[in-house]
Amino acid sequence: MTKVIEKLNKLSKQELDAICKEIKEKGWINKGLTPNATPCEKDKYEICQNILHYKRENNLNEKELGKELGIKKQEKLERLLFCHIEQLSLGELTAYWELISDEKIIIKNQSPLYNKLATNPYHPWTS
């Protein structure tokens, strides 16, 4: 990390501005929850954070994580890594988590719709 900071300190203001512009354009910004996040958004965010924790704990790079999750497109993986939860479904995130963990997901902020689906024995989210 220190080497990165040293390199950044050597860049001109124009170079830094260009880097910041590219980061914004490509969406390489971690997103947090808004204060008025819905229960579903809170659940999706928490699952993203759990997957990122798994990545760190297992010293995986992006490519390795993508392989474990079965994600082939870099854009899709970046949505997950930067918590762009508005572009990911709860079912999709749950499926990714179940590929890498023996833990069952406990949906804390259950929305009424999720409760209805989760109790339906014919719904694919139920086991």
N, C-alpha and C. Protein backbone atom coordinates (compact mmCIF):
# COMPACT_ATOMS: atom_id res chain seq x y z
N MET A 1 0.81 -1.19 0.00
CA MET A 1 0.00 0.00 0.00
C MET A 1 0.86 1.25 0.00
N THR A 2 1.98 1.21 0.70
CA THR A 2 2.87 2.37 0.77
C THR A 2 3.41 2.71 -0.60
N LYS A 3 3.73 1.69 -1.41
CA LYS A 3 4.25 1.93 -2.76
C LYS A 3 3.21 2.63 -3.63
N VAL A 4 1.96 2.25 -3.46
CA VAL A 4 0.88 2.88 -4.23
C VAL A 4 0.79 4.36 -3.87
N ILE A 5 0.85 4.65 -2.59
CA ILE A 5 0.77 6.04 -2.12
C ILE A 5 1.96 6.84 -2.64
N GLU A 6 3.13 6.23 -2.62
CA GLU A 6 4.32 6.91 -3.15
C GLU A 6 4.14 7.24 -4.63
N LYS A 7 3.61 6.30 -5.39
CA LYS A 7 3.38 6.54 -6.82
C LYS A 7 2.35 7.64 -7.03
N LEU A 8 1.30 7.63 -6.24
CA LEU A 8 0.26 8.66 -6.37
C LEU A 8 0.81 10.05 -6.04
N ASN A 9 1.67 10.12 -5.05
CA ASN A 9 2.26 11.40 -4.67
C ASN A 9 3.13 11.99 -5.77
N LYS A 10 3.65 11.16 -6.66
CA LYS A 10 4.52 11.63 -7.75
C LYS A 10 3.74 12.11 -8.97
N LEU A 11 2.44 11.83 -9.01
CA LEU A 11 1.63 12.21 -10.16
C LEU A 11 1.27 13.69 -10.11
N SER A 12 1.12 14.26 -11.27
CA SER A 12 0.68 15.66 -11.36
C SER A 12 -0.82 15.74 -11.10
N LYS A 13 -1.29 16.96 -10.87
CA LYS A 13 -2.72 17.17 -10.65
C LYS A 13 -3.52 16.72 -11.86
N GLN A 14 -3.02 16.97 -13.05
CA GLN A 14 -3.72 16.56 -14.29
C GLN A 14 -3.83 15.04 -14.37
N GLU A 15 -2.75 14.36 -14.01
CA GLU A 15 -2.77 12.89 -14.05
C GLU A 15 -3.76 12.34 -13.02
N LEU A 16 -3.76 12.93 -11.83
CA LEU A 16 -4.71 12.50 -10.80
C LEU A 16 -6.15 12.75 -11.22
N ASP A 17 -6.39 13.92 -11.82
CA ASP A 17 -7.74 14.24 -12.30
C ASP A 17 -8.19 13.23 -13.36
N ALA A 18 -7.27 12.85 -14.25
CA ALA A 18 -7.60 11.87 -15.30
C ALA A 18 -7.93 10.51 -14.69
N ILE A 19 -7.19 10.12 -13.67
CA ILE A 19 -7.45 8.85 -12.99
C ILE A 19 -8.81 8.89 -12.30
N CYS A 20 -9.09 9.99 -11.60
CA CYS A 20 -10.40 10.13 -10.92
C CYS A 20 -11.54 10.09 -11.91
N LYS A 21 -11.37 10.74 -13.04
CA LYS A 21 -12.42 10.75 -14.08
C LYS A 21 -12.68 9.33 -14.59
N GLU A 22 -11.60 8.58 -14.85
CA GLU A 22 -11.75 7.20 -15.33
C GLU A 22 -12.45 6.33 -14.29
N ILE A 23 -12.09 6.50 -13.02
CA ILE A 23 -12.71 5.72 -11.95
C ILE A 23 -14.21 5.98 -11.91
N LYS A 24 -14.60 7.25 -12.01
CA LYS A 24 -16.03 7.59 -11.99
C LYS A 24 -16.75 7.05 -13.21
N GLU A 25 -16.14 7.19 -14.39
CA GLU A 25 -16.78 6.74 -15.63
C GLU A 25 -16.99 5.23 -15.65
N LYS A 26 -16.02 4.49 -15.13
CA LYS A 26 -16.10 3.03 -15.16
C LYS A 26 -16.88 2.46 -13.98
N GLY A 27 -17.24 3.32 -13.02
CA GLY A 27 -18.02 2.84 -11.88
C GLY A 27 -17.20 2.10 -10.86
N TRP A 28 -15.90 2.36 -10.81
CA TRP A 28 -15.02 1.67 -9.86
C TRP A 28 -15.07 2.35 -8.50
N ILE A 29 -16.25 2.52 -7.98
CA ILE A 29 -16.42 3.19 -6.70
C ILE A 29 -17.29 2.28 -5.84
N ASN A 30 -16.81 2.01 -4.63
CA ASN A 30 -17.62 1.23 -3.71
C ASN A 30 -18.84 2.03 -3.33
N LYS A 31 -19.96 1.37 -3.33
CA LYS A 31 -21.20 2.04 -2.95
C LYS A 31 -21.63 1.56 -1.58
N GLY A 32 -22.10 2.49 -0.80
CA GLY A 32 -22.64 2.16 0.51
C GLY A 32 -24.15 2.21 0.46
N LEU A 33 -24.75 1.95 1.59
CA LEU A 33 -26.21 2.01 1.68
C LEU A 33 -26.65 3.43 1.95
N THR A 34 -27.78 3.78 1.40
CA THR A 34 -28.37 5.08 1.69
C THR A 34 -29.11 4.97 3.03
N PRO A 35 -29.32 6.09 3.70
CA PRO A 35 -30.03 6.04 4.99
C PRO A 35 -31.44 5.45 4.89
N ASN A 36 -32.05 5.58 3.72
CA ASN A 36 -33.41 5.06 3.56
C ASN A 36 -33.43 3.76 2.75
N ALA A 37 -32.39 2.95 2.90
CA ALA A 37 -32.29 1.67 2.17
C ALA A 37 -33.45 0.76 2.55
N THR A 38 -33.95 0.03 1.56
CA THR A 38 -35.03 -0.92 1.81
C THR A 38 -34.48 -2.17 2.49
N PRO A 39 -35.33 -2.99 3.08
CA PRO A 39 -34.86 -4.24 3.67
C PRO A 39 -34.10 -5.12 2.65
N CYS A 40 -34.60 -5.17 1.43
CA CYS A 40 -33.94 -5.98 0.40
C CYS A 40 -32.55 -5.43 0.09
N GLU A 41 -32.42 -4.11 -0.01
CA GLU A 41 -31.12 -3.50 -0.29
C GLU A 41 -30.13 -3.80 0.85
N LYS A 42 -30.62 -3.77 2.09
CA LYS A 42 -29.76 -4.08 3.24
C LYS A 42 -29.27 -5.52 3.17
N ASP A 43 -30.16 -6.43 2.82
CA ASP A 43 -29.79 -7.84 2.70
C ASP A 43 -28.77 -8.04 1.59
N LYS A 44 -29.00 -7.42 0.44
CA LYS A 44 -28.08 -7.56 -0.69
C LYS A 44 -26.71 -6.98 -0.34
N TYR A 45 -26.69 -5.86 0.33
CA TYR A 45 -25.43 -5.23 0.71
C TYR A 45 -24.66 -6.14 1.68
N GLU A 46 -25.37 -6.71 2.63
CA GLU A 46 -24.71 -7.57 3.61
C GLU A 46 -24.11 -8.82 2.93
N ILE A 47 -24.82 -9.38 1.97
CA ILE A 47 -24.29 -10.55 1.26
C ILE A 47 -23.04 -10.15 0.47
N CYS A 48 -23.08 -9.00 -0.20
CA CYS A 48 -21.89 -8.51 -0.92
C CYS A 48 -20.71 -8.39 0.03
N GLN A 49 -20.96 -7.80 1.20
CA GLN A 49 -19.89 -7.62 2.17
C GLN A 49 -19.34 -8.97 2.64
N ASN A 50 -20.22 -9.95 2.83
CA ASN A 50 -19.77 -11.30 3.22
C ASN A 50 -18.89 -11.92 2.15
N ILE A 51 -19.26 -11.73 0.90
CA ILE A 51 -18.46 -12.28 -0.21
C ILE A 51 -17.10 -11.58 -0.27
N LEU A 52 -17.08 -10.28 -0.06
CA LEU A 52 -15.81 -9.55 -0.06
C LEU A 52 -14.94 -9.98 1.10
N HIS A 53 -15.55 -10.24 2.24
CA HIS A 53 -14.81 -10.75 3.40
C HIS A 53 -14.21 -12.13 3.07
N TYR A 54 -14.97 -12.97 2.43
CA TYR A 54 -14.48 -14.28 2.01
C TYR A 54 -13.28 -14.13 1.08
N LYS A 55 -13.36 -13.20 0.14
CA LYS A 55 -12.27 -12.95 -0.80
C LYS A 55 -10.99 -12.56 -0.05
N ARG A 56 -11.14 -11.65 0.91
CA ARG A 56 -9.97 -11.20 1.70
C ARG A 56 -9.40 -12.32 2.55
N GLU A 57 -10.27 -13.01 3.26
CA GLU A 57 -9.84 -14.08 4.17
C GLU A 57 -9.12 -15.22 3.45
N ASN A 58 -9.50 -15.45 2.20
CA ASN A 58 -8.90 -16.55 1.44
C ASN A 58 -7.84 -16.07 0.44
N ASN A 59 -7.47 -14.80 0.56
CA ASN A 59 -6.42 -14.21 -0.30
C ASN A 59 -6.66 -14.47 -1.78
N LEU A 60 -7.88 -14.26 -2.22
CA LEU A 60 -8.23 -14.50 -3.62
C LEU A 60 -8.09 -13.21 -4.42
N ASN A 61 -7.62 -13.33 -5.64
CA ASN A 61 -7.66 -12.17 -6.53
C ASN A 61 -9.02 -12.19 -7.24
N GLU A 62 -9.29 -11.16 -8.03
CA GLU A 62 -10.59 -11.06 -8.70
C GLU A 62 -10.88 -12.27 -9.58
N LYS A 63 -9.87 -12.68 -10.33
CA LYS A 63 -10.06 -13.79 -11.27
C LYS A 63 -10.41 -15.09 -10.52
N GLU A 64 -9.72 -15.32 -9.41
CA GLU A 64 -9.98 -16.53 -8.62
C GLU A 64 -11.39 -16.51 -8.02
N LEU A 65 -11.79 -15.34 -7.50
CA LEU A 65 -13.14 -15.23 -6.94
C LEU A 65 -14.18 -15.45 -8.04
N GLY A 66 -13.96 -14.82 -9.18
CA GLY A 66 -14.89 -14.99 -10.31
C GLY A 66 -15.04 -16.45 -10.69
N LYS A 67 -13.94 -17.17 -10.68
CA LYS A 67 -13.98 -18.60 -11.04
C LYS A 67 -14.79 -19.39 -10.01
N GLU A 68 -14.57 -19.10 -8.73
CA GLU A 68 -15.31 -19.82 -7.68
C GLU A 68 -16.81 -19.53 -7.74
N LEU A 69 -17.15 -18.31 -8.16
CA LEU A 69 -18.56 -17.93 -8.22
C LEU A 69 -19.19 -18.24 -9.58
N GLY A 70 -18.37 -18.63 -10.55
CA GLY A 70 -18.88 -18.91 -11.88
C GLY A 70 -19.20 -17.65 -12.66
N ILE A 71 -18.56 -16.54 -12.31
CA ILE A 71 -18.78 -15.27 -13.02
C ILE A 71 -17.67 -15.11 -14.05
N LYS A 72 -18.06 -15.06 -15.30
CA LYS A 72 -17.07 -14.97 -16.38
C LYS A 72 -16.84 -13.54 -16.86
N LYS A 73 -17.85 -12.70 -16.76
CA LYS A 73 -17.74 -11.33 -17.26
C LYS A 73 -17.17 -10.42 -16.17
N GLN A 74 -16.12 -9.69 -16.52
CA GLN A 74 -15.48 -8.77 -15.58
C GLN A 74 -16.47 -7.72 -15.06
N GLU A 75 -17.31 -7.23 -15.94
CA GLU A 75 -18.29 -6.21 -15.56
C GLU A 75 -19.22 -6.72 -14.45
N LYS A 76 -19.65 -7.95 -14.57
CA LYS A 76 -20.53 -8.56 -13.57
C LYS A 76 -19.80 -8.69 -12.23
N LEU A 77 -18.55 -9.12 -12.29
CA LEU A 77 -17.75 -9.29 -11.08
C LEU A 77 -17.53 -7.94 -10.40
N GLU A 78 -17.29 -6.91 -11.19
CA GLU A 78 -17.09 -5.57 -10.63
C GLU A 78 -18.34 -5.06 -9.93
N ARG A 79 -19.51 -5.39 -10.45
CA ARG A 79 -20.76 -4.99 -9.78
C ARG A 79 -20.79 -5.55 -8.36
N LEU A 80 -20.36 -6.79 -8.24
CA LEU A 80 -20.33 -7.45 -6.93
C LEU A 80 -19.24 -6.83 -6.05
N LEU A 81 -18.04 -6.68 -6.59
CA LEU A 81 -16.92 -6.18 -5.80
C LEU A 81 -17.11 -4.75 -5.32
N PHE A 82 -17.83 -3.94 -6.09
CA PHE A 82 -18.06 -2.55 -5.72
C PHE A 82 -19.46 -2.32 -5.13
N CYS A 83 -20.13 -3.41 -4.78
CA CYS A 83 -21.45 -3.35 -4.12
C CYS A 83 -22.46 -2.54 -4.89
N HIS A 84 -22.54 -2.73 -6.19
CA HIS A 84 -23.56 -2.07 -7.00
C HIS A 84 -24.82 -2.93 -6.92
N ILE A 85 -25.42 -2.91 -5.75
CA ILE A 85 -26.53 -3.83 -5.45
C ILE A 85 -27.77 -3.58 -6.29
N GLU A 86 -27.89 -2.38 -6.84
CA GLU A 86 -29.06 -2.10 -7.67
C GLU A 86 -29.02 -2.89 -8.98
N GLN A 87 -27.85 -3.43 -9.30
CA GLN A 87 -27.69 -4.22 -10.53
C GLN A 87 -27.59 -5.71 -10.25
N LEU A 88 -27.84 -6.11 -9.00
CA LEU A 88 -27.76 -7.52 -8.62
C LEU A 88 -29.04 -7.90 -7.88
N SER A 89 -29.50 -9.11 -8.11
CA SER A 89 -30.73 -9.56 -7.42
C SER A 89 -30.36 -10.28 -6.13
N LEU A 90 -31.30 -10.32 -5.21
CA LEU A 90 -31.09 -11.02 -3.96
C LEU A 90 -30.88 -12.52 -4.20
N GLY A 91 -31.64 -13.09 -5.12
CA GLY A 91 -31.49 -14.50 -5.44
C GLY A 91 -30.12 -14.82 -6.02
N GLU A 92 -29.65 -13.93 -6.88
CA GLU A 92 -28.33 -14.10 -7.51
C GLU A 92 -27.23 -14.05 -6.44
N LEU A 93 -27.29 -13.08 -5.55
CA LEU A 93 -26.29 -12.95 -4.50
C LEU A 93 -26.32 -14.14 -3.55
N THR A 94 -27.53 -14.59 -3.22
CA THR A 94 -27.68 -15.76 -2.36
C THR A 94 -27.04 -16.99 -3.01
N ALA A 95 -27.26 -17.16 -4.29
CA ALA A 95 -26.67 -18.29 -5.02
C ALA A 95 -25.15 -18.22 -5.00
N TYR A 96 -24.58 -17.03 -5.20
CA TYR A 96 -23.12 -16.88 -5.15
C TYR A 96 -22.59 -17.26 -3.77
N TRP A 97 -23.26 -16.77 -2.73
CA TRP A 97 -22.80 -17.06 -1.38
C TRP A 97 -22.84 -18.56 -1.10
N GLU A 98 -23.88 -19.23 -1.55
CA GLU A 98 -24.01 -20.66 -1.29
C GLU A 98 -22.95 -21.48 -2.04
N LEU A 99 -22.38 -20.92 -3.10
CA LEU A 99 -21.30 -21.61 -3.81
C LEU A 99 -20.00 -21.64 -3.01
N ILE A 100 -19.79 -20.65 -2.15
CA ILE A 100 -18.51 -20.52 -1.45
C ILE A 100 -18.60 -20.76 0.04
N SER A 101 -19.79 -20.97 0.56
CA SER A 101 -19.93 -21.10 2.01
C SER A 101 -20.89 -22.23 2.37
N ASP A 102 -20.59 -22.86 3.48
CA ASP A 102 -21.49 -23.87 4.01
C ASP A 102 -22.58 -23.22 4.86
N GLU A 103 -22.37 -21.94 5.21
CA GLU A 103 -23.35 -21.22 6.02
C GLU A 103 -24.59 -20.90 5.21
N LYS A 104 -25.72 -21.09 5.81
CA LYS A 104 -26.97 -20.65 5.19
C LYS A 104 -27.11 -19.16 5.46
N ILE A 105 -27.65 -18.46 4.52
CA ILE A 105 -27.86 -17.03 4.70
C ILE A 105 -29.09 -16.82 5.56
N ILE A 106 -28.92 -15.98 6.56
CA ILE A 106 -30.05 -15.58 7.39
C ILE A 106 -30.40 -14.17 6.96
N ILE A 107 -31.54 -14.04 6.35
CA ILE A 107 -31.98 -12.73 5.87
C ILE A 107 -32.54 -11.97 7.07
N LYS A 108 -31.79 -10.95 7.51
CA LYS A 108 -32.17 -10.22 8.71
C LYS A 108 -33.27 -9.19 8.45
N ASN A 109 -33.21 -8.57 7.31
CA ASN A 109 -34.12 -7.46 7.02
C ASN A 109 -35.23 -7.90 6.09
N GLN A 110 -35.76 -9.06 6.35
CA GLN A 110 -36.69 -9.69 5.42
C GLN A 110 -37.83 -8.78 4.99
N SER A 111 -37.95 -8.69 3.69
CA SER A 111 -39.08 -7.95 3.14
C SER A 111 -40.28 -8.89 3.11
N PRO A 112 -41.49 -8.36 3.13
CA PRO A 112 -42.68 -9.22 3.08
C PRO A 112 -42.69 -10.13 1.86
N LEU A 113 -42.22 -9.64 0.70
CA LEU A 113 -42.18 -10.46 -0.50
C LEU A 113 -41.21 -11.62 -0.32
N TYR A 114 -40.03 -11.35 0.24
CA TYR A 114 -39.05 -12.41 0.44
C TYR A 114 -39.60 -13.46 1.41
N ASN A 115 -40.25 -13.01 2.48
CA ASN A 115 -40.83 -13.96 3.44
C ASN A 115 -41.82 -14.89 2.74
N LYS A 116 -42.63 -14.32 1.86
CA LYS A 116 -43.63 -15.11 1.15
C LYS A 116 -42.95 -16.12 0.23
N LEU A 117 -41.90 -15.69 -0.49
CA LEU A 117 -41.20 -16.59 -1.39
C LEU A 117 -40.42 -17.66 -0.63
N ALA A 118 -39.78 -17.25 0.47
CA ALA A 118 -38.93 -18.18 1.22
C ALA A 118 -39.74 -19.27 1.89
N THR A 119 -41.01 -19.04 2.15
CA THR A 119 -41.83 -20.07 2.80
C THR A 119 -42.58 -20.93 1.79
N ASN A 120 -42.42 -20.62 0.51
CA ASN A 120 -43.07 -21.40 -0.53
C ASN A 120 -42.18 -22.61 -0.84
N PRO A 121 -42.65 -23.83 -0.57
CA PRO A 121 -41.80 -25.01 -0.77
C PRO A 121 -41.42 -25.26 -2.23
N TYR A 122 -42.11 -24.60 -3.16
CA TYR A 122 -41.81 -24.79 -4.57
C TYR A 122 -40.88 -23.72 -5.14
N HIS A 123 -40.53 -22.73 -4.32
CA HIS A 123 -39.66 -21.66 -4.78
C HIS A 123 -38.21 -22.12 -4.74
N PRO A 124 -37.40 -21.80 -5.76
CA PRO A 124 -36.01 -22.30 -5.80
C PRO A 124 -35.12 -21.79 -4.66
N TRP A 125 -35.49 -20.75 -3.94
CA TRP A 125 -34.66 -20.27 -2.84
C TRP A 125 -34.75 -21.15 -1.62
N THR A 126 -35.79 -21.96 -1.54
CA THR A 126 -35.96 -22.80 -0.37
C THR A 126 -35.22 -24.09 -0.58
N SER A 127 -34.78 -24.67 0.53
CA SER A 127 -34.06 -25.95 0.40
C SER A 127 -34.74 -27.05 1.15
